[in-house]
Amino acid sequence: MKNRIPTLAVLLALIFALTACGSGGSDSTDQSASGEVGGSSGQAQISGQVQDGLRVLTFDPSLTNQDFRIYRGDYVRPEIKGGGNIHLVIEDLKVDGEYPAPEGSKPYFKVPGTGTFSYQAGNLTGVIEAVDYTAASYQEVSAKEAVALIANIDPLILDVRTDREFNDGHIEDALLIPVQVLQVRVGELAEYKDRTIFIYCRSGNRSTVASRMLIDKGFKQVVNLRHGVNDWNRSGYKLVK
């Protein structure tokens, strides 16, 4: 990249270093009952596991109350323990449907923001709490900050949207690996494990999921475009085809 400003590179490195120092022992991890490792020390255990870019939450029909904790931006695929169907209603998220979803329907629902959302699934009730992801090696930036990052740090730019979205317009020099296949293709990024990876999607949700996947695999510096291509377009920056 041309016209790099070394000062910004130093500042970004310092941000990661200070975050690591202030994370309260992020080298220690919490193992949730579902088997997922938490993103940082002190953050409550996270429910379910990520499969093919979706967070799978298993509802136990033998319980009358069951609470879950997930990350903001998760795409959630509900399932019932032991198999079968579950009718899930979450009014605040406009969710009202059967899972596994009928053919032709989306097998997941999206949780775009933080908060506590009450649900009902037959006789089972509880809440799904969505929290922000935090980690020493993770940072979120605005579109304006992203432009400076690209100009000065020369990161790997990773687009985790679909092929169609990518072909409609993407950030210049971006590599496309859709979040749905990132788990099986993460080996393609091995050479960037110690470099800065800048990730984006449409709104910042899929890129948050992708960021966690990479950090869980040991990637050291992951930067997420907080509001995705939506913010990039609003800020007047161009996409290429």
C-alpha atoms as a PDB file:
ATOM      1  CA  MET A   1       0.000   0.000   0.000  1.00  0.00           C
ATOM      2  CA  LYS A   2       1.158   3.535  -0.748  1.00  0.00           C
ATOM      3  CA  ASN A   3       1.307   6.519   1.552  1.00  0.00           C
ATOM      4  CA  ARG A   4       1.436   4.592   4.793  1.00  0.00           C
ATOM      5  CA  ILE A   5       1.537   6.588   7.996  1.00  0.00           C
ATOM      6  CA  PRO A   6       3.798   4.739  10.452  1.00  0.00           C
ATOM      7  CA  THR A   7       2.270   6.558  13.402  1.00  0.00           C
ATOM      8  CA  LEU A   8      -1.115   4.929  12.808  1.00  0.00           C
ATOM      9  CA  ALA A   9       0.488   1.497  12.545  1.00  0.00           C
ATOM     10  CA  VAL A  10       2.188   2.053  15.875  1.00  0.00           C
ATOM     11  CA  LEU A  11      -1.058   3.270  17.421  1.00  0.00           C
ATOM     12  CA  LEU A  12      -2.983   0.216  16.238  1.00  0.00           C
ATOM     13  CA  ALA A  13      -0.325  -2.095  17.625  1.00  0.00           C
ATOM     14  CA  LEU A  14      -0.471  -0.172  20.898  1.00  0.00           C
ATOM     15  CA  ILE A  15      -4.270  -0.538  21.014  1.00  0.00           C
ATOM     16  CA  PHE A  16      -3.996  -4.310  20.753  1.00  0.00           C
ATOM     17  CA  ALA A  17      -1.234  -4.374  23.363  1.00  0.00           C
ATOM     18  CA  LEU A  18      -3.154  -2.225  25.841  1.00  0.00           C
ATOM     19  CA  THR A  19      -6.329  -4.244  25.303  1.00  0.00           C
ATOM     20  CA  ALA A  20      -4.430  -7.430  26.020  1.00  0.00           C
ATOM     21  CA  CYS A  21      -2.963  -5.962  29.193  1.00  0.00           C
ATOM     22  CA  GLY A  22      -6.362  -4.793  30.415  1.00  0.00           C
ATOM     23  CA  SER A  23      -8.302  -7.920  29.603  1.00  0.00           C
ATOM     24  CA  GLY A  24      -7.959  -9.350  33.086  1.00  0.00           C
ATOM     25  CA  GLY A  25      -6.175 -12.550  32.132  1.00  0.00           C
ATOM     26  CA  SER A  26      -7.603 -13.367  28.728  1.00  0.00           C
ATOM     27  CA  ASP A  27      -5.303 -16.371  28.409  1.00  0.00           C
ATOM     28  CA  SER A  28      -7.672 -18.267  30.687  1.00  0.00           C
ATOM     29  CA  THR A  29     -10.857 -19.498  29.024  1.00  0.00           C
ATOM     30  CA  ASP A  30     -14.259 -20.564  30.263  1.00  0.00           C
ATOM     31  CA  GLN A  31     -15.790 -23.783  28.989  1.00  0.00           C
ATOM     32  CA  SER A  32     -19.551 -23.617  28.654  1.00  0.00           C
ATOM     33  CA  ALA A  33     -21.850 -26.535  29.290  1.00  0.00           C
ATOM     34  CA  SER A  34     -22.314 -26.821  25.530  1.00  0.00           C
ATOM     35  CA  GLY A  35     -18.597 -27.057  24.891  1.00  0.00           C
ATOM     36  CA  GLU A  36     -17.911 -23.552  23.555  1.00  0.00           C
ATOM     37  CA  VAL A  37     -14.945 -21.636  24.878  1.00  0.00           C
ATOM     38  CA  GLY A  38     -15.683 -18.084  25.986  1.00  0.00           C
ATOM     39  CA  GLY A  39     -14.022 -15.175  24.199  1.00  0.00           C
ATOM     40  CA  SER A  40     -12.501 -13.494  27.258  1.00  0.00           C
ATOM     41  CA  SER A  41     -11.981 -13.967  30.938  1.00  0.00           C
ATOM     42  CA  GLY A  42     -14.783 -12.622  33.075  1.00  0.00           C
ATOM     43  CA  GLN A  43     -17.410 -12.889  30.351  1.00  0.00           C
ATOM     44  CA  ALA A  44     -20.232 -15.246  31.141  1.00  0.00           C
ATOM     45  CA  GLN A  45     -20.329 -18.616  29.453  1.00  0.00           C
ATOM     46  CA  ILE A  46     -21.825 -18.699  25.979  1.00  0.00           C
ATOM     47  CA  SER A  47     -24.450 -21.264  25.024  1.00  0.00           C
ATOM     48  CA  GLY A  48     -24.336 -23.589  22.067  1.00  0.00           C
ATOM     49  CA  GLN A  49     -21.765 -24.157  19.384  1.00  0.00           C
ATOM     50  CA  VAL A  50     -21.164 -22.576  15.980  1.00  0.00           C
ATOM     51  CA  GLN A  51     -21.742 -24.911  13.032  1.00  0.00           C
ATOM     52  CA  ASP A  52     -21.528 -23.685   9.431  1.00  0.00           C
ATOM     53  CA  GLY A  53     -21.723 -20.087  10.638  1.00  0.00           C
ATOM     54  CA  LEU A  54     -24.841 -20.669  12.759  1.00  0.00           C
ATOM     55  CA  ARG A  55     -25.046 -20.871  16.548  1.00  0.00           C
ATOM     56  CA  VAL A  56     -26.918 -24.038  17.458  1.00  0.00           C
ATOM     57  CA  LEU A  57     -29.030 -23.765  20.624  1.00  0.00           C
ATOM     58  CA  THR A  58     -30.422 -27.015  22.017  1.00  0.00           C
ATOM     59  CA  PHE A  59     -33.712 -26.763  23.918  1.00  0.00           C
ATOM     60  CA  ASP A  60     -34.340 -29.449  26.533  1.00  0.00           C
ATOM     61  CA  PRO A  61     -38.050 -30.444  26.623  1.00  0.00           C
ATOM     62  CA  SER A  62     -37.667 -31.852  30.149  1.00  0.00           C
ATOM     63  CA  LEU A  63     -37.063 -28.345  31.560  1.00  0.00           C
ATOM     64  CA  THR A  64     -39.708 -25.751  32.336  1.00  0.00           C
ATOM     65  CA  ASN A  65     -37.231 -22.876  32.192  1.00  0.00           C
ATOM     66  CA  GLN A  66     -34.018 -22.648  30.206  1.00  0.00           C
ATOM     67  CA  ASP A  67     -31.894 -19.556  29.618  1.00  0.00           C
ATOM     68  CA  PHE A  68     -29.252 -19.015  26.941  1.00  0.00           C
ATOM     69  CA  ARG A  69     -26.485 -16.501  26.397  1.00  0.00           C
ATOM     70  CA  ILE A  70     -25.193 -15.737  22.918  1.00  0.00           C
ATOM     71  CA  TYR A  71     -23.231 -13.018  21.120  1.00  0.00           C
ATOM     72  CA  ARG A  72     -24.668 -10.015  19.332  1.00  0.00           C
ATOM     73  CA  GLY A  73     -24.735 -10.778  15.634  1.00  0.00           C
ATOM     74  CA  ASP A  74     -25.297 -14.508  16.020  1.00  0.00           C
ATOM     75  CA  TYR A  75     -27.476 -16.375  13.558  1.00  0.00           C
ATOM     76  CA  VAL A  76     -29.260 -18.920  15.759  1.00  0.00           C
ATOM     77  CA  ARG A  77     -30.447 -22.361  14.666  1.00  0.00           C
ATOM     78  CA  PRO A  78     -32.739 -23.881  17.340  1.00  0.00           C
ATOM     79  CA  GLU A  79     -33.008 -27.616  17.845  1.00  0.00           C
ATOM     80  CA  ILE A  80     -34.772 -29.869  20.345  1.00  0.00           C
ATOM     81  CA  LYS A  81     -32.812 -32.318  22.468  1.00  0.00           C
ATOM     82  CA  GLY A  82     -33.447 -35.847  21.280  1.00  0.00           C
ATOM     83  CA  GLY A  83     -34.796 -34.665  17.932  1.00  0.00           C
ATOM     84  CA  GLY A  84     -38.216 -33.514  16.799  1.00  0.00           C
ATOM     85  CA  ASN A  85     -39.804 -30.134  16.160  1.00  0.00           C
ATOM     86  CA  ILE A  86     -39.978 -27.030  18.303  1.00  0.00           C
ATOM     87  CA  HIS A  87     -42.300 -24.035  17.871  1.00  0.00           C
ATOM     88  CA  LEU A  88     -40.379 -20.984  19.029  1.00  0.00           C
ATOM     89  CA  VAL A  89     -41.839 -17.544  19.710  1.00  0.00           C
ATOM     90  CA  ILE A  90     -39.655 -14.505  20.512  1.00  0.00           C
ATOM     91  CA  GLU A  91     -41.821 -11.418  20.156  1.00  0.00           C
ATOM     92  CA  ASP A  92     -39.027  -8.834  20.422  1.00  0.00           C
ATOM     93  CA  LEU A  93     -37.130 -10.508  17.581  1.00  0.00           C
ATOM     94  CA  LYS A  94     -40.274 -11.172  15.501  1.00  0.00           C
ATOM     95  CA  VAL A  95     -39.622 -14.908  15.650  1.00  0.00           C
ATOM     96  CA  ASP A  96     -42.642 -17.224  15.409  1.00  0.00           C
ATOM     97  CA  GLY A  97     -42.004 -20.491  13.655  1.00  0.00           C
ATOM     98  CA  GLU A  98     -41.170 -24.178  13.587  1.00  0.00           C
ATOM     99  CA  TYR A  99     -37.662 -25.578  13.850  1.00  0.00           C
ATOM    100  CA  PRO A 100     -36.198 -27.423  12.068  1.00  0.00           C
ATOM    101  CA  ALA A 101     -37.604 -24.968   9.560  1.00  0.00           C
ATOM    102  CA  PRO A 102     -39.809 -26.255   6.739  1.00  0.00           C
ATOM    103  CA  GLU A 103     -38.164 -26.602   3.347  1.00  0.00           C
ATOM    104  CA  GLY A 104     -37.778 -23.207   1.719  1.00  0.00           C
ATOM    105  CA  SER A 105     -37.686 -21.318   5.029  1.00  0.00           C
ATOM    106  CA  LYS A 106     -34.611 -19.970   6.763  1.00  0.00           C
ATOM    107  CA  PRO A 107     -33.270 -22.496   9.300  1.00  0.00           C
ATOM    108  CA  TYR A 108     -32.153 -19.712  11.632  1.00  0.00           C
ATOM    109  CA  PHE A 109     -33.096 -16.361  13.124  1.00  0.00           C
ATOM    110  CA  LYS A 110     -30.866 -13.348  13.517  1.00  0.00           C
ATOM    111  CA  VAL A 111     -30.000 -11.482  16.735  1.00  0.00           C
ATOM    112  CA  PRO A 112     -28.631  -8.129  15.499  1.00  0.00           C
ATOM    113  CA  GLY A 113     -28.318  -6.314  18.824  1.00  0.00           C
ATOM    114  CA  THR A 114     -27.584  -6.801  22.486  1.00  0.00           C
ATOM    115  CA  GLY A 115     -30.379  -7.313  24.997  1.00  0.00           C
ATOM    116  CA  THR A 116     -32.443  -9.890  26.847  1.00  0.00           C
ATOM    117  CA  PHE A 117     -35.214 -11.517  24.823  1.00  0.00           C
ATOM    118  CA  SER A 118     -37.962 -13.634  26.378  1.00  0.00           C
ATOM    119  CA  TYR A 119     -39.086 -16.693  24.469  1.00  0.00           C
ATOM    120  CA  GLN A 120     -41.689 -19.434  24.654  1.00  0.00           C
ATOM    121  CA  ALA A 121     -41.424 -22.899  23.123  1.00  0.00           C
ATOM    122  CA  GLY A 122     -44.465 -24.928  24.072  1.00  0.00           C
ATOM    123  CA  ASN A 123     -44.316 -25.291  27.860  1.00  0.00           C
ATOM    124  CA  LEU A 124     -40.694 -24.163  27.920  1.00  0.00           C
ATOM    125  CA  THR A 125     -39.927 -20.515  28.708  1.00  0.00           C
ATOM    126  CA  GLY A 126     -36.816 -18.497  29.377  1.00  0.00           C
ATOM    127  CA  VAL A 127     -34.624 -15.749  27.954  1.00  0.00           C
ATOM    128  CA  ILE A 128     -31.938 -15.423  25.339  1.00  0.00           C
ATOM    129  CA  GLU A 129     -29.385 -12.809  26.348  1.00  0.00           C
ATOM    130  CA  ALA A 130     -27.223 -11.340  23.588  1.00  0.00           C
ATOM    131  CA  VAL A 131     -23.933  -9.733  24.652  1.00  0.00           C
ATOM    132  CA  ASP A 132     -21.082  -8.010  22.815  1.00  0.00           C
ATOM    133  CA  TYR A 133     -18.033 -10.056  21.948  1.00  0.00           C
ATOM    134  CA  THR A 134     -14.775  -8.993  23.590  1.00  0.00           C
ATOM    135  CA  ALA A 135     -11.245 -10.347  23.214  1.00  0.00           C
ATOM    136  CA  ALA A 136      -7.724  -8.989  23.494  1.00  0.00           C
ATOM    137  CA  SER A 137      -7.073  -9.619  19.795  1.00  0.00           C
ATOM    138  CA  TYR A 138     -10.377  -8.154  18.560  1.00  0.00           C
ATOM    139  CA  GLN A 139     -11.283  -4.598  17.594  1.00  0.00           C
ATOM    140  CA  GLU A 140     -14.264  -2.935  15.880  1.00  0.00           C
ATOM    141  CA  VAL A 141     -13.866   0.098  13.607  1.00  0.00           C
ATOM    142  CA  SER A 142     -16.030   2.520  11.645  1.00  0.00           C
ATOM    143  CA  ALA A 143     -15.777   2.857   7.867  1.00  0.00           C
ATOM    144  CA  LYS A 144     -13.621   5.973   8.224  1.00  0.00           C
ATOM    145  CA  GLU A 145     -11.265   4.160  10.585  1.00  0.00           C
ATOM    146  CA  ALA A 146     -11.229   1.179   8.223  1.00  0.00           C
ATOM    147  CA  VAL A 147     -10.042   3.323   5.309  1.00  0.00           C
ATOM    148  CA  ALA A 148      -7.107   4.564   7.398  1.00  0.00           C
ATOM    149  CA  LEU A 149      -6.397   1.010   8.538  1.00  0.00           C
ATOM    150  CA  ILE A 150      -6.252  -0.310   4.975  1.00  0.00           C
ATOM    151  CA  ALA A 151      -4.038   2.565   3.819  1.00  0.00           C
ATOM    152  CA  ASN A 152      -1.545   2.248   6.645  1.00  0.00           C
ATOM    153  CA  ILE A 153      -1.525  -1.321   7.951  1.00  0.00           C
ATOM    154  CA  ASP A 154      -2.118  -3.196   4.676  1.00  0.00           C
ATOM    155  CA  PRO A 155      -4.231  -5.944   6.286  1.00  0.00           C
ATOM    156  CA  LEU A 156      -5.714  -8.989   4.651  1.00  0.00           C
ATOM    157  CA  ILE A 157      -9.226  -7.854   3.679  1.00  0.00           C
ATOM    158  CA  LEU A 158     -11.721 -10.675   4.196  1.00  0.00           C
ATOM    159  CA  ASP A 159     -15.271 -10.512   2.820  1.00  0.00           C
ATOM    160  CA  VAL A 160     -17.539 -13.094   4.500  1.00  0.00           C
ATOM    161  CA  ARG A 161     -20.727 -12.394   2.525  1.00  0.00           C
ATOM    162  CA  THR A 162     -22.182 -14.541  -0.247  1.00  0.00           C
ATOM    163  CA  ASP A 163     -20.798 -14.839  -3.787  1.00  0.00           C
ATOM    164  CA  ARG A 164     -23.719 -12.804  -5.096  1.00  0.00           C
ATOM    165  CA  GLU A 165     -23.159  -9.970  -2.612  1.00  0.00           C
ATOM    166  CA  PHE A 166     -19.446  -9.980  -3.402  1.00  0.00           C
ATOM    167  CA  ASN A 167     -20.066  -9.781  -7.155  1.00  0.00           C
ATOM    168  CA  ASP A 168     -22.481  -6.883  -6.656  1.00  0.00           C
ATOM    169  CA  GLY A 169     -19.654  -4.842  -5.145  1.00  0.00           C
ATOM    170  CA  HIS A 170     -16.802  -5.388  -2.679  1.00  0.00           C
ATOM    171  CA  ILE A 171     -13.926  -3.539  -1.080  1.00  0.00           C
ATOM    172  CA  GLU A 172     -10.903  -3.510  -3.369  1.00  0.00           C
ATOM    173  CA  ASP A 173      -8.430  -6.396  -2.914  1.00  0.00           C
ATOM    174  CA  ALA A 174     -10.863  -8.319  -0.686  1.00  0.00           C
ATOM    175  CA  LEU A 175     -10.691 -12.106  -0.443  1.00  0.00           C
ATOM    176  CA  LEU A 176     -14.085 -13.827  -0.398  1.00  0.00           C
ATOM    177  CA  ILE A 177     -14.726 -16.685   2.033  1.00  0.00           C
ATOM    178  CA  PRO A 178     -18.425 -16.820   3.007  1.00  0.00           C
ATOM    179  CA  VAL A 179     -18.953 -17.251   6.734  1.00  0.00           C
ATOM    180  CA  GLN A 180     -20.872 -20.481   6.110  1.00  0.00           C
ATOM    181  CA  VAL A 181     -17.708 -22.185   4.847  1.00  0.00           C
ATOM    182  CA  LEU A 182     -15.083 -20.328   6.873  1.00  0.00           C
ATOM    183  CA  GLN A 183     -14.689 -23.134   9.407  1.00  0.00           C
ATOM    184  CA  VAL A 184     -13.660 -25.622   6.728  1.00  0.00           C
ATOM    185  CA  ARG A 185     -11.523 -23.141   4.757  1.00  0.00           C
ATOM    186  CA  VAL A 186      -9.758 -21.432   7.648  1.00  0.00           C
ATOM    187  CA  GLY A 187      -6.549 -23.253   6.743  1.00  0.00           C
ATOM    188  CA  GLU A 188      -6.291 -21.026   3.662  1.00  0.00           C
ATOM    189  CA  LEU A 189      -5.564 -18.105   6.003  1.00  0.00           C
ATOM    190  CA  ALA A 190      -2.780 -19.789   7.990  1.00  0.00           C
ATOM    191  CA  GLU A 191      -0.071 -17.456   6.672  1.00  0.00           C
ATOM    192  CA  TYR A 192      -1.985 -14.475   8.095  1.00  0.00           C
ATOM    193  CA  LYS A 193      -2.241 -15.821  11.636  1.00  0.00           C
ATOM    194  CA  ASP A 194       0.115 -13.181  13.047  1.00  0.00           C
ATOM    195  CA  ARG A 195      -0.982 -10.366  10.725  1.00  0.00           C
ATOM    196  CA  THR A 196      -3.940  -8.002  10.875  1.00  0.00           C
ATOM    197  CA  ILE A 197      -7.100  -9.364   9.231  1.00  0.00           C
ATOM    198  CA  PHE A 198      -9.842  -6.852   8.425  1.00  0.00           C
ATOM    199  CA  ILE A 199     -13.253  -8.552   8.131  1.00  0.00           C
ATOM    200  CA  TYR A 200     -16.508  -7.172   6.800  1.00  0.00           C
ATOM    201  CA  CYS A 201     -20.010  -8.225   5.736  1.00  0.00           C
ATOM    202  CA  ARG A 202     -23.201  -6.299   4.982  1.00  0.00           C
ATOM    203  CA  SER A 203     -24.150  -5.052   8.454  1.00  0.00           C
ATOM    204  CA  GLY A 204     -21.439  -6.273  10.838  1.00  0.00           C
ATOM    205  CA  ASN A 205     -23.199  -9.407  12.112  1.00  0.00           C
ATOM    206  CA  ARG A 206     -21.672 -12.154   9.987  1.00  0.00           C
ATOM    207  CA  SER A 207     -18.262 -10.508  10.297  1.00  0.00           C
ATOM    208  CA  THR A 208     -18.570 -10.653  14.090  1.00  0.00           C
ATOM    209  CA  VAL A 209     -19.236 -14.389  13.854  1.00  0.00           C
ATOM    210  CA  ALA A 210     -16.280 -14.789  11.484  1.00  0.00           C
ATOM    211  CA  SER A 211     -14.013 -12.774  13.795  1.00  0.00           C
ATOM    212  CA  ARG A 212     -14.752 -15.132  16.684  1.00  0.00           C
ATOM    213  CA  MET A 213     -14.011 -18.151  14.502  1.00  0.00           C
ATOM    214  CA  LEU A 214     -10.580 -16.802  13.605  1.00  0.00           C
ATOM    215  CA  ILE A 215      -9.702 -15.773  17.153  1.00  0.00           C
ATOM    216  CA  ASP A 216     -10.734 -19.214  18.412  1.00  0.00           C
ATOM    217  CA  LYS A 217      -8.253 -20.623  15.874  1.00  0.00           C
ATOM    218  CA  GLY A 218      -5.431 -18.500  17.248  1.00  0.00           C
ATOM    219  CA  PHE A 219      -5.408 -15.481  14.925  1.00  0.00           C
ATOM    220  CA  LYS A 220      -3.729 -12.591  16.706  1.00  0.00           C
ATOM    221  CA  GLN A 221      -5.171  -9.363  15.241  1.00  0.00           C
ATOM    222  CA  VAL A 222      -8.739  -9.287  13.927  1.00  0.00           C
ATOM    223  CA  VAL A 223     -10.509  -6.040  13.038  1.00  0.00           C
ATOM    224  CA  ASN A 224     -14.243  -5.984  12.275  1.00  0.00           C
ATOM    225  CA  LEU A 225     -16.087  -3.324  10.249  1.00  0.00           C
ATOM    226  CA  ARG A 226     -18.710  -2.561  12.906  1.00  0.00           C
ATOM    227  CA  HIS A 227     -21.638  -1.702  10.604  1.00  0.00           C
ATOM    228  CA  GLY A 228     -20.386  -3.424   7.489  1.00  0.00           C
ATOM    229  CA  VAL A 229     -20.784  -2.365   3.877  1.00  0.00           C
ATOM    230  CA  ASN A 230     -23.865  -0.393   4.924  1.00  0.00           C
ATOM    231  CA  ASP A 231     -21.605   2.043   6.793  1.00  0.00           C
ATOM    232  CA  TRP A 232     -19.026   1.944   3.988  1.00  0.00           C
ATOM    233  CA  ASN A 233     -21.657   3.055   1.446  1.00  0.00           C
ATOM    234  CA  ARG A 234     -23.161   5.695   3.740  1.00  0.00           C
ATOM    235  CA  SER A 235     -19.698   7.157   4.235  1.00  0.00           C
ATOM    236  CA  GLY A 236     -19.240   7.576   0.481  1.00  0.00           C
ATOM    237  CA  TYR A 237     -16.473   5.015  -0.057  1.00  0.00           C
ATOM    238  CA  LYS A 238     -16.444   3.032  -3.273  1.00  0.00           C
ATOM    239  CA  LEU A 239     -16.850  -0.655  -3.939  1.00  0.00           C
ATOM    240  CA  VAL A 240     -15.444  -2.463  -6.955  1.00  0.00           C
ATOM    241  CA  LYS A 241     -16.813  -5.307  -9.088  1.00  0.00           C
END
